[in-house]
């Protein structure tokens, strides 16, 4: 999260490659098993970890040209990766309605995820920004156990209580997300681009 610009060995911006492309590949590899489980047992779920940070995205929501992402701030690059998570979950629900696909914001949990923030932002901007940043974000937990509540809820609540394709803030609160999160054209463009990229790598 909010890490300096670098790329995966495949050439994807590190946050986009890790948070979106890795998740999309894992989901694609598991898809035959998920669909089989849904047909035989009636309930197969994909819970995608996004973030309230999806609202801090690049111009237009997504920039697919990976080298151009270097020109964007680290926060916007992070926001792009988290917007991609949310859009991917919604498109998965539309393309495979027999599955239950939702995205969740886990809340703010104090873990090593914040290492780069301390070095790159808070130490430069001062403690006042630190306090403001966390005050504005929904869902604050003091432990990793608390940070697991929303995804555990999404994985175990009665299926009838979930809206397929929805985005949930902690704990179990449905949200529509940002304006870009509601862009169905962008959602479909991301899916098609991702499929083409995975196919280019032999998947």
Protein backbone atom coordinates (compact mmCIF):
# COMPACT_ATOMS: atom_id res chain seq x y z
CA UNK A 1 0.00 0.00 0.00
CA UNK A 2 1.33 3.40 -1.11
CA UNK A 3 4.67 1.84 -2.01
CA UNK A 4 7.26 3.48 -4.28
CA UNK A 5 6.96 2.85 -8.00
CA UNK A 6 8.27 -0.50 -9.17
CA UNK A 7 6.99 -3.31 -11.36
CA UNK A 8 6.43 -7.02 -11.17
CA UNK A 9 8.60 -9.23 -13.37
CA UNK A 10 5.72 -9.23 -15.87
CA UNK A 11 5.85 -5.43 -16.07
CA UNK A 12 2.79 -4.50 -14.03
CA UNK A 13 2.97 -1.63 -11.54
CA UNK A 14 3.67 -3.40 -8.24
CA UNK A 15 0.41 -2.54 -6.46
CA UNK A 16 -1.77 -3.24 -9.51
CA UNK A 17 0.13 -6.45 -10.26
CA UNK A 18 -0.13 -7.72 -6.69
CA UNK A 19 -3.61 -6.53 -5.74
CA UNK A 20 -5.45 -7.02 -9.03
CA UNK A 21 -3.59 -9.22 -11.51
CA UNK A 22 -2.59 -11.79 -8.88
CA UNK A 23 -6.14 -11.99 -7.56
CA UNK A 24 -7.61 -12.22 -11.05
CA UNK A 25 -5.26 -15.07 -11.96
CA UNK A 26 -6.01 -17.00 -8.77
CA UNK A 27 -9.74 -16.58 -9.37
CA UNK A 28 -9.41 -17.75 -12.98
CA UNK A 29 -7.46 -20.83 -11.93
CA UNK A 30 -10.07 -21.68 -9.30
CA UNK A 31 -13.07 -20.89 -11.51
CA UNK A 32 -13.76 -24.46 -12.72
CA UNK A 33 -13.78 -25.71 -9.12
CA UNK A 34 -15.91 -22.77 -7.98
CA UNK A 35 -18.49 -23.37 -10.72
CA UNK A 36 -18.57 -27.09 -9.99
CA UNK A 37 -19.04 -26.38 -6.28
CA UNK A 38 -21.85 -23.94 -7.03
CA UNK A 39 -23.66 -26.50 -9.19
CA UNK A 40 -23.32 -29.37 -6.71
CA UNK A 41 -23.56 -27.56 -3.36
CA UNK A 42 -25.35 -24.34 -4.29
CA UNK A 43 -22.98 -21.91 -2.59
CA UNK A 44 -19.53 -20.89 -3.80
CA UNK A 45 -18.17 -17.48 -2.90
CA UNK A 46 -15.35 -15.20 -3.95
CA UNK A 47 -14.65 -12.49 -1.38
CA UNK A 48 -12.36 -9.81 -2.83
CA UNK A 49 -10.42 -7.50 -0.54
CA UNK A 50 -10.70 -3.94 -1.80
CA UNK A 51 -10.41 -0.72 0.22
CA UNK A 52 -12.11 2.60 0.84
CA UNK A 53 -8.95 3.84 -0.86
CA UNK A 54 -10.49 2.82 -4.20
CA UNK A 55 -11.93 6.33 -4.31
CA UNK A 56 -8.41 7.81 -4.63
CA UNK A 57 -7.90 6.73 -8.21
CA UNK A 58 -6.08 7.92 -11.30
CA UNK A 59 -7.76 10.18 -13.90
CA UNK A 60 -10.49 8.19 -15.62
CA UNK A 61 -10.41 5.53 -12.90
CA UNK A 62 -7.90 3.18 -14.51
CA UNK A 63 -4.73 3.59 -16.56
CA UNK A 64 -3.91 0.37 -18.39
CA UNK A 65 -0.59 1.57 -19.81
CA UNK A 66 1.59 0.43 -16.91
CA UNK A 67 4.66 2.67 -17.52
CA UNK A 68 2.38 5.73 -17.46
CA UNK A 69 1.42 4.90 -13.89
CA UNK A 70 4.86 6.06 -12.78
CA UNK A 71 3.64 9.61 -13.41
CA UNK A 72 0.85 9.16 -10.84
CA UNK A 73 1.23 9.48 -7.08
CA UNK A 74 1.69 6.33 -5.02
CA UNK A 75 -1.76 6.87 -3.48
CA UNK A 76 -3.45 7.06 -6.87
CA UNK A 77 -1.65 3.90 -7.98
CA UNK A 78 -2.88 2.17 -4.83
CA UNK A 79 -6.39 3.50 -5.44
CA UNK A 80 -6.33 2.15 -8.99
CA UNK A 81 -5.46 -1.34 -7.73
CA UNK A 82 -8.28 -1.26 -5.17
CA UNK A 83 -10.80 0.11 -7.68
CA UNK A 84 -9.83 -2.78 -9.95
CA UNK A 85 -10.63 -5.22 -7.10
CA UNK A 86 -14.11 -3.77 -6.66
CA UNK A 87 -14.87 -3.66 -10.39
CA UNK A 88 -13.54 -7.20 -10.90
CA UNK A 89 -15.82 -8.56 -8.15
CA UNK A 90 -18.87 -6.90 -9.74
CA UNK A 91 -18.09 -8.19 -13.21
CA UNK A 92 -17.45 -11.69 -11.88
CA UNK A 93 -20.93 -11.63 -10.34
CA UNK A 94 -22.45 -10.56 -13.66
CA UNK A 95 -20.61 -13.11 -15.77
CA UNK A 96 -21.08 -15.99 -13.32
CA UNK A 97 -24.28 -15.29 -11.35
CA UNK A 98 -24.28 -18.83 -9.97
CA UNK A 99 -21.32 -17.72 -7.84
CA UNK A 100 -21.54 -15.19 -5.01
CA UNK A 101 -18.94 -12.51 -5.60
CA UNK A 102 -18.58 -9.53 -3.26
CA UNK A 103 -15.84 -7.06 -2.38
CA UNK A 104 -15.12 -5.75 1.10
CA UNK A 105 -13.20 -2.98 2.83
CA UNK A 106 -11.58 -4.58 5.90
CA UNK A 107 -11.19 -1.35 7.83
CA UNK A 108 -8.02 0.23 9.16
CA UNK A 109 -5.79 -2.19 11.04
CA UNK A 110 -2.35 -1.31 12.41
CA UNK A 111 0.01 -3.79 10.74
CA UNK A 112 3.26 -3.66 8.76
CA UNK A 113 1.17 -2.57 5.78
CA UNK A 114 1.72 0.97 7.06
CA UNK A 115 5.53 0.83 6.96
CA UNK A 116 5.86 2.72 3.70
CA UNK A 117 3.26 5.23 4.87
CA UNK A 118 5.25 6.08 7.96
CA UNK A 119 8.37 6.62 5.87
CA UNK A 120 6.85 8.33 2.83
CA UNK A 121 3.96 10.35 4.16
CA UNK A 122 3.47 10.72 7.87
CA UNK A 123 7.05 11.54 8.75
CA UNK A 124 7.06 14.24 6.08
CA UNK A 125 3.59 15.64 6.64
CA UNK A 126 3.53 15.46 10.43
CA UNK A 127 1.34 13.76 13.00
CA UNK A 128 -1.70 15.93 12.23
CA UNK A 129 -2.09 14.21 8.85
CA UNK A 130 -1.72 10.83 10.51
CA UNK A 131 -4.69 11.55 12.76
CA UNK A 132 -6.80 13.07 9.99
CA UNK A 133 -6.13 10.19 7.61
CA UNK A 134 -7.35 7.52 9.99
CA UNK A 135 -10.28 9.56 11.27
CA UNK A 136 -11.73 9.81 7.76
CA UNK A 137 -11.59 6.11 6.92
CA UNK A 138 -14.41 3.77 8.01
CA UNK A 139 -13.77 0.82 10.33
CA UNK A 140 -10.93 1.07 12.85
CA UNK A 141 -9.59 -2.03 14.56
CA UNK A 142 -6.78 -2.45 17.06
CA UNK A 143 -5.92 -6.00 16.03
CA UNK A 144 -5.71 -8.24 12.99
CA UNK A 145 -8.61 -10.23 14.45
CA UNK A 146 -10.81 -7.14 14.19
CA UNK A 147 -9.53 -6.58 10.68
CA UNK A 148 -10.73 -10.05 9.67
CA UNK A 149 -14.35 -9.43 10.73
CA UNK A 150 -15.76 -8.12 7.46
CA UNK A 151 -14.31 -10.81 5.19
CA UNK A 152 -15.29 -13.50 7.71
CA UNK A 153 -18.82 -12.10 7.74
CA UNK A 154 -18.96 -12.14 3.92
CA UNK A 155 -17.67 -15.72 3.79
CA UNK A 156 -20.03 -17.14 6.41
CA UNK A 157 -23.25 -15.08 6.54
CA UNK A 158 -26.37 -16.66 5.02
CA UNK A 159 -26.18 -16.32 1.26
CA UNK A 160 -29.58 -14.62 1.20
CA UNK A 161 -28.10 -11.72 3.16
CA UNK A 162 -25.53 -10.91 0.47
CA UNK A 163 -26.20 -8.88 -2.66
CA UNK A 164 -24.21 -10.45 -5.49
CA UNK A 165 -21.58 -8.04 -6.78
CA UNK A 166 -21.96 -5.66 -3.84
CA UNK A 167 -19.29 -3.77 -1.91
CA UNK A 168 -19.37 -3.85 1.90
CA UNK A 169 -17.75 -1.68 4.55
CA UNK A 170 -17.16 -3.01 8.10
CA UNK A 171 -19.06 -4.90 9.18
CA UNK A 172 -21.64 -5.96 6.62
CA UNK A 173 -22.65 -2.43 5.59
CA UNK A 174 -23.40 -2.23 1.87
CA UNK A 175 -21.99 0.78 0.01
CA UNK A 176 -22.16 1.87 -3.61
CA UNK A 177 -18.55 3.05 -3.60
CA UNK A 178 -17.11 5.90 -5.63
CA UNK A 179 -18.40 7.19 -8.96
CA UNK A 180 -15.81 5.13 -10.84
CA UNK A 181 -16.91 2.06 -8.88
CA UNK A 182 -20.34 2.38 -10.50
CA UNK A 183 -18.98 2.67 -14.05
CA UNK A 184 -20.13 -0.52 -15.76
CA UNK A 185 -18.29 0.35 -18.96
CA UNK A 186 -15.03 0.62 -17.06
CA UNK A 187 -15.86 -2.60 -15.23
CA UNK A 188 -16.25 -4.53 -18.48
CA UNK A 189 -13.19 -2.91 -20.04
CA UNK A 190 -11.09 -4.00 -17.05
CA UNK A 191 -12.35 -7.58 -17.31
CA UNK A 192 -11.62 -7.83 -21.02
CA UNK A 193 -8.18 -6.23 -20.65
CA UNK A 194 -7.32 -8.55 -17.76
CA UNK A 195 -8.43 -11.63 -19.69
CA UNK A 196 -6.28 -10.57 -22.65
CA UNK A 197 -3.28 -10.04 -20.37
CA UNK A 198 -3.69 -13.41 -18.65
CA UNK A 199 -4.06 -15.08 -22.05
CA UNK A 200 -0.85 -13.37 -23.19
CA UNK A 201 0.92 -15.05 -20.26
CA UNK A 202 -0.54 -18.46 -21.10
CA UNK A 203 -3.57 -18.54 -18.77
